[in-house]
C-alpha atoms as a PDB file:
ATOM      1  CA  MET A   1     -41.285 -26.364  16.032  1.00  0.00           C
ATOM      2  CA  LYS A   2     -41.588 -25.944  19.791  1.00  0.00           C
ATOM      3  CA  TRP A   3     -45.197 -25.846  20.947  1.00  0.00           C
ATOM      4  CA  ASP A   4     -44.819 -25.277  24.698  1.00  0.00           C
ATOM      5  CA  THR A   5     -45.249 -21.509  24.457  1.00  0.00           C
ATOM      6  CA  LEU A   6     -48.334 -21.717  22.252  1.00  0.00           C
ATOM      7  CA  PHE A   7     -49.993 -24.333  24.460  1.00  0.00           C
ATOM      8  CA  SER A   8     -49.240 -22.164  27.505  1.00  0.00           C
ATOM      9  CA  MET A   9     -50.611 -19.043  25.827  1.00  0.00           C
ATOM     10  CA  GLN A  10     -53.711 -20.945  24.752  1.00  0.00           C
ATOM     11  CA  GLN A  11     -54.257 -22.267  28.285  1.00  0.00           C
ATOM     12  CA  GLN A  12     -54.084 -18.717  29.614  1.00  0.00           C
ATOM     13  CA  LEU A  13     -56.520 -17.475  26.957  1.00  0.00           C
ATOM     14  CA  ASP A  14     -58.931 -20.364  27.578  1.00  0.00           C
ATOM     15  CA  THR A  15     -58.891 -19.670  31.315  1.00  0.00           C
ATOM     16  CA  TYR A  16     -59.416 -15.959  30.719  1.00  0.00           C
ATOM     17  CA  ILE A  17     -62.371 -16.627  28.414  1.00  0.00           C
ATOM     18  CA  LEU A  18     -63.994 -19.095  30.815  1.00  0.00           C
ATOM     19  CA  ASP A  19     -63.624 -16.635  33.685  1.00  0.00           C
ATOM     20  CA  ASN A  20     -64.698 -13.624  31.641  1.00  0.00           C
ATOM     21  CA  GLN A  21     -67.736 -15.413  30.207  1.00  0.00           C
ATOM     22  CA  GLN A  22     -68.499 -17.173  33.506  1.00  0.00           C
ATOM     23  CA  LEU A  23     -68.536 -20.584  31.833  1.00  0.00           C
ATOM     24  CA  SER A  24     -67.856 -24.049  33.131  1.00  0.00           C
ATOM     25  CA  ALA A  25     -65.047 -25.927  31.399  1.00  0.00           C
ATOM     26  CA  ASP A  26     -67.335 -28.993  31.380  1.00  0.00           C
ATOM     27  CA  HIS A  27     -69.516 -27.674  28.588  1.00  0.00           C
ATOM     28  CA  VAL A  28     -67.206 -26.168  26.012  1.00  0.00           C
ATOM     29  CA  PHE A  29     -65.566 -29.139  24.248  1.00  0.00           C
ATOM     30  CA  ASP A  30     -68.469 -29.594  21.820  1.00  0.00           C
ATOM     31  CA  LYS A  31     -68.549 -25.856  21.140  1.00  0.00           C
ATOM     32  CA  LYS A  32     -64.799 -25.784  20.475  1.00  0.00           C
ATOM     33  CA  TYR A  33     -65.109 -28.765  18.153  1.00  0.00           C
ATOM     34  CA  LEU A  34     -67.908 -27.115  16.180  1.00  0.00           C
ATOM     35  CA  ALA A  35     -65.892 -23.888  16.081  1.00  0.00           C
ATOM     36  CA  LEU A  36     -62.992 -25.856  14.599  1.00  0.00           C
ATOM     37  CA  LEU A  37     -65.236 -27.204  11.842  1.00  0.00           C
ATOM     38  CA  VAL A  38     -66.666 -23.765  11.101  1.00  0.00           C
ATOM     39  CA  GLU A  39     -63.237 -22.131  11.047  1.00  0.00           C
ATOM     40  CA  LEU A  40     -61.915 -24.900   8.809  1.00  0.00           C
ATOM     41  CA  GLY A  41     -64.742 -24.081   6.395  1.00  0.00           C
ATOM     42  CA  GLU A  42     -63.904 -20.387   6.574  1.00  0.00           C
ATOM     43  CA  LEU A  43     -60.295 -21.213   5.729  1.00  0.00           C
ATOM     44  CA  ALA A  44     -61.352 -23.351   2.772  1.00  0.00           C
ATOM     45  CA  ASN A  45     -63.585 -20.509   1.631  1.00  0.00           C
ATOM     46  CA  GLU A  46     -60.654 -18.071   1.630  1.00  0.00           C
ATOM     47  CA  THR A  47     -58.497 -20.483  -0.400  1.00  0.00           C
ATOM     48  CA  ARG A  48     -61.405 -21.031  -2.804  1.00  0.00           C
ATOM     49  CA  CYS A  49     -59.892 -24.454  -3.536  1.00  0.00           C
ATOM     50  CA  PHE A  50     -63.300 -26.097  -3.901  1.00  0.00           C
ATOM     51  CA  LYS A  51     -64.964 -23.399  -5.993  1.00  0.00           C
ATOM     52  CA  PHE A  52     -64.599 -25.059  -9.369  1.00  0.00           C
ATOM     53  CA  TRP A  53     -67.379 -22.868 -10.749  1.00  0.00           C
ATOM     54  CA  SER A  54     -65.549 -19.621 -10.073  1.00  0.00           C
ATOM     55  CA  THR A  55     -62.564 -17.866 -11.616  1.00  0.00           C
ATOM     56  CA  LYS A  56     -62.097 -15.446  -8.720  1.00  0.00           C
ATOM     57  CA  GLU A  57     -58.629 -15.626  -7.155  1.00  0.00           C
ATOM     58  CA  LYS A  58     -58.017 -16.884  -3.624  1.00  0.00           C
ATOM     59  CA  SER A  59     -57.735 -14.329  -0.844  1.00  0.00           C
ATOM     60  CA  GLU A  60     -54.419 -12.689  -0.038  1.00  0.00           C
ATOM     61  CA  LYS A  61     -51.924 -14.793   1.897  1.00  0.00           C
ATOM     62  CA  ASN A  62     -52.299 -12.723   5.089  1.00  0.00           C
ATOM     63  CA  VAL A  63     -56.081 -13.283   5.096  1.00  0.00           C
ATOM     64  CA  ILE A  64     -55.626 -17.021   4.611  1.00  0.00           C
ATOM     65  CA  LEU A  65     -52.973 -17.092   7.353  1.00  0.00           C
ATOM     66  CA  GLU A  66     -55.303 -15.366   9.805  1.00  0.00           C
ATOM     67  CA  GLU A  67     -58.000 -17.953   9.107  1.00  0.00           C
ATOM     68  CA  TYR A  68     -55.406 -20.722   9.370  1.00  0.00           C
ATOM     69  CA  VAL A  69     -54.306 -19.520  12.811  1.00  0.00           C
ATOM     70  CA  ASP A  70     -57.900 -19.400  14.068  1.00  0.00           C
ATOM     71  CA  ASN A  71     -57.860 -23.177  13.746  1.00  0.00           C
ATOM     72  CA  ILE A  72     -54.520 -23.442  15.555  1.00  0.00           C
ATOM     73  CA  HIS A  73     -56.233 -21.782  18.529  1.00  0.00           C
ATOM     74  CA  PHE A  74     -59.025 -24.359  18.520  1.00  0.00           C
ATOM     75  CA  LEU A  75     -56.681 -27.304  17.949  1.00  0.00           C
ATOM     76  CA  LEU A  76     -54.515 -26.239  20.870  1.00  0.00           C
ATOM     77  CA  SER A  77     -57.587 -25.676  23.013  1.00  0.00           C
ATOM     78  CA  LEU A  78     -59.066 -29.082  22.202  1.00  0.00           C
ATOM     79  CA  GLY A  79     -55.744 -30.723  22.996  1.00  0.00           C
ATOM     80  CA  LEU A  80     -55.617 -28.933  26.329  1.00  0.00           C
ATOM     81  CA  GLU A  81     -59.149 -30.100  27.100  1.00  0.00           C
ATOM     82  CA  LYS A  82     -58.006 -33.702  26.685  1.00  0.00           C
ATOM     83  CA  GLY A  83     -54.547 -33.321  28.233  1.00  0.00           C
ATOM     84  CA  TYR A  84     -52.801 -33.861  24.892  1.00  0.00           C
ATOM     85  CA  ALA A  85     -50.320 -30.975  24.912  1.00  0.00           C
ATOM     86  CA  PHE A  86     -46.890 -31.723  23.468  1.00  0.00           C
ATOM     87  CA  SER A  87     -43.552 -29.970  23.109  1.00  0.00           C
ATOM     88  CA  GLU A  88     -42.602 -31.018  19.597  1.00  0.00           C
ATOM     89  CA  ILE A  89     -44.210 -32.804  16.697  1.00  0.00           C
ATOM     90  CA  GLU A  90     -42.681 -34.186  13.527  1.00  0.00           C
ATOM     91  CA  VAL A  91     -44.581 -33.348  10.373  1.00  0.00           C
ATOM     92  CA  ALA A  92     -43.752 -34.794   6.990  1.00  0.00           C
ATOM     93  CA  PRO A  93     -45.057 -32.821   4.019  1.00  0.00           C
ATOM     94  CA  PHE A  94     -47.997 -34.118   2.016  1.00  0.00           C
ATOM     95  CA  GLU A  95     -47.240 -36.079  -1.108  1.00  0.00           C
ATOM     96  CA  ALA A  96     -46.323 -33.735  -3.972  1.00  0.00           C
ATOM     97  CA  ASP A  97     -49.613 -34.284  -5.809  1.00  0.00           C
ATOM     98  CA  VAL A  98     -52.008 -33.632  -2.898  1.00  0.00           C
ATOM     99  CA  SER A  99     -54.399 -30.809  -3.725  1.00  0.00           C
ATOM    100  CA  GLU A 100     -55.733 -28.300  -1.240  1.00  0.00           C
ATOM    101  CA  THR A 101     -59.203 -29.771  -1.749  1.00  0.00           C
ATOM    102  CA  ALA A 102     -57.979 -33.260  -0.880  1.00  0.00           C
ATOM    103  CA  ALA A 103     -56.158 -31.892   2.171  1.00  0.00           C
ATOM    104  CA  PHE A 104     -59.325 -30.192   3.458  1.00  0.00           C
ATOM    105  CA  ASN A 105     -61.425 -33.297   2.869  1.00  0.00           C
ATOM    106  CA  HIS A 106     -58.837 -35.366   4.734  1.00  0.00           C
ATOM    107  CA  LEU A 107     -58.906 -32.888   7.614  1.00  0.00           C
ATOM    108  CA  TYR A 108     -62.676 -33.078   7.938  1.00  0.00           C
ATOM    109  CA  THR A 109     -62.407 -36.874   8.071  1.00  0.00           C
ATOM    110  CA  LEU A 110     -59.781 -36.604  10.817  1.00  0.00           C
ATOM    111  CA  CYS A 111     -61.930 -34.099  12.731  1.00  0.00           C
ATOM    112  CA  VAL A 112     -64.811 -36.547  12.785  1.00  0.00           C
ATOM    113  CA  ALA A 113     -62.495 -39.413  13.759  1.00  0.00           C
ATOM    114  CA  PHE A 114     -61.152 -37.383  16.694  1.00  0.00           C
ATOM    115  CA  TYR A 115     -64.604 -36.302  17.834  1.00  0.00           C
ATOM    116  CA  SER A 116     -65.873 -39.889  17.643  1.00  0.00           C
ATOM    117  CA  ASP A 117     -62.839 -41.375  19.387  1.00  0.00           C
ATOM    118  CA  GLN A 118     -61.024 -38.724  21.405  1.00  0.00           C
ATOM    119  CA  THR A 119     -57.676 -40.500  21.685  1.00  0.00           C
ATOM    120  CA  LYS A 120     -54.267 -38.908  21.671  1.00  0.00           C
ATOM    121  CA  ALA A 121     -53.440 -40.780  18.449  1.00  0.00           C
ATOM    122  CA  ASN A 122     -56.462 -39.276  16.675  1.00  0.00           C
ATOM    123  CA  TYR A 123     -55.645 -35.821  18.023  1.00  0.00           C
ATOM    124  CA  LEU A 124     -52.038 -36.024  16.837  1.00  0.00           C
ATOM    125  CA  ALA A 125     -53.107 -37.284  13.405  1.00  0.00           C
ATOM    126  CA  LEU A 126     -55.460 -34.292  13.088  1.00  0.00           C
ATOM    127  CA  PHE A 127     -52.853 -31.824  14.302  1.00  0.00           C
ATOM    128  CA  LYS A 128     -50.174 -33.183  11.961  1.00  0.00           C
ATOM    129  CA  ALA A 129     -52.510 -33.074   8.971  1.00  0.00           C
ATOM    130  CA  TYR A 130     -53.408 -29.489   9.815  1.00  0.00           C
ATOM    131  CA  LEU A 131     -49.737 -28.532   9.925  1.00  0.00           C
ATOM    132  CA  GLN A 132     -49.263 -30.276   6.585  1.00  0.00           C
ATOM    133  CA  LEU A 133     -52.030 -28.090   5.176  1.00  0.00           C
ATOM    134  CA  GLY A 134     -50.130 -25.060   6.451  1.00  0.00           C
ATOM    135  CA  GLN A 135     -47.061 -26.237   4.556  1.00  0.00           C
ATOM    136  CA  LEU A 136     -49.186 -26.792   1.458  1.00  0.00           C
ATOM    137  CA  LEU A 137     -50.522 -23.238   1.795  1.00  0.00           C
ATOM    138  CA  GLY A 138     -46.953 -21.932   1.983  1.00  0.00           C
ATOM    139  CA  PHE A 139     -46.753 -20.930   5.645  1.00  0.00           C
ATOM    140  CA  SER A 140     -43.460 -21.063   7.491  1.00  0.00           C
ATOM    141  CA  GLU A 141     -42.993 -21.788  11.178  1.00  0.00           C
ATOM    142  CA  HIS A 142     -42.231 -18.094  11.662  1.00  0.00           C
ATOM    143  CA  ASP A 143     -45.455 -17.107   9.834  1.00  0.00           C
ATOM    144  CA  LEU A 144     -47.498 -19.415  12.025  1.00  0.00           C
ATOM    145  CA  LYS A 145     -45.981 -18.255  15.322  1.00  0.00           C
ATOM    146  CA  GLN A 146     -46.223 -14.552  14.535  1.00  0.00           C
ATOM    147  CA  ALA A 147     -49.793 -14.871  13.301  1.00  0.00           C
ATOM    148  CA  TYR A 148     -50.705 -16.810  16.453  1.00  0.00           C
ATOM    149  CA  TYR A 149     -49.179 -14.135  18.700  1.00  0.00           C
ATOM    150  CA  ASP A 150     -51.006 -11.416  16.782  1.00  0.00           C
ATOM    151  CA  LYS A 151     -54.366 -13.201  16.860  1.00  0.00           C
ATOM    152  CA  ASN A 152     -53.952 -14.109  20.526  1.00  0.00           C
ATOM    153  CA  GLU A 153     -53.648 -10.399  21.291  1.00  0.00           C
ATOM    154  CA  VAL A 154     -56.767  -9.681  19.219  1.00  0.00           C
ATOM    155  CA  ASN A 155     -58.657 -12.410  21.098  1.00  0.00           C
ATOM    156  CA  TYR A 156     -57.861 -10.754  24.440  1.00  0.00           C
ATOM    157  CA  GLU A 157     -58.938  -7.366  23.071  1.00  0.00           C
ATOM    158  CA  ARG A 158     -62.189  -8.917  21.892  1.00  0.00           C
ATOM    159  CA  GLN A 159     -62.877 -10.318  25.355  1.00  0.00           C
ATOM    160  CA  GLN A 160     -62.250  -6.917  26.899  1.00  0.00           C
ATOM    161  CA  THR A 161     -64.620  -5.165  24.502  1.00  0.00           C
ATOM    162  CA  GLY A 162     -67.523  -7.643  24.654  1.00  0.00           C
ATOM    163  CA  TYR A 163     -66.977  -9.185  21.226  1.00  0.00           C
END
């Protein structure tokens, strides 16, 4: 998948938000990182993969995809903060027996590793694992791109309406 367009769109959105909110770029990395963790939890909540005590079904695929794409926004934004944008990335699928729960736990570990040591290698490992989760959840490249475009538009609307 080509990522140039999404990184460019995210850069434009980040700039718009900073200008609109009158923020300094120096103080948002920690907020973006925390937002990533929160959104990752919201995604896990919609999949219900950890709720062993419940028989309620997971949310509909479109709801899960919207939550999934929220994290793509923050991953792109964090990469831009560190200068780690890329054009392409190779992603091998998870092993056949990896559960959604294991994938989320692995992602949280990679989030902490990246926050603790903000190297390009740690960022790429996190990004790849997140894309693997998307594959595990059944999302295609087309699904991801379209959902990103849609949510990007919503994010601009939210800025314009004081969300």
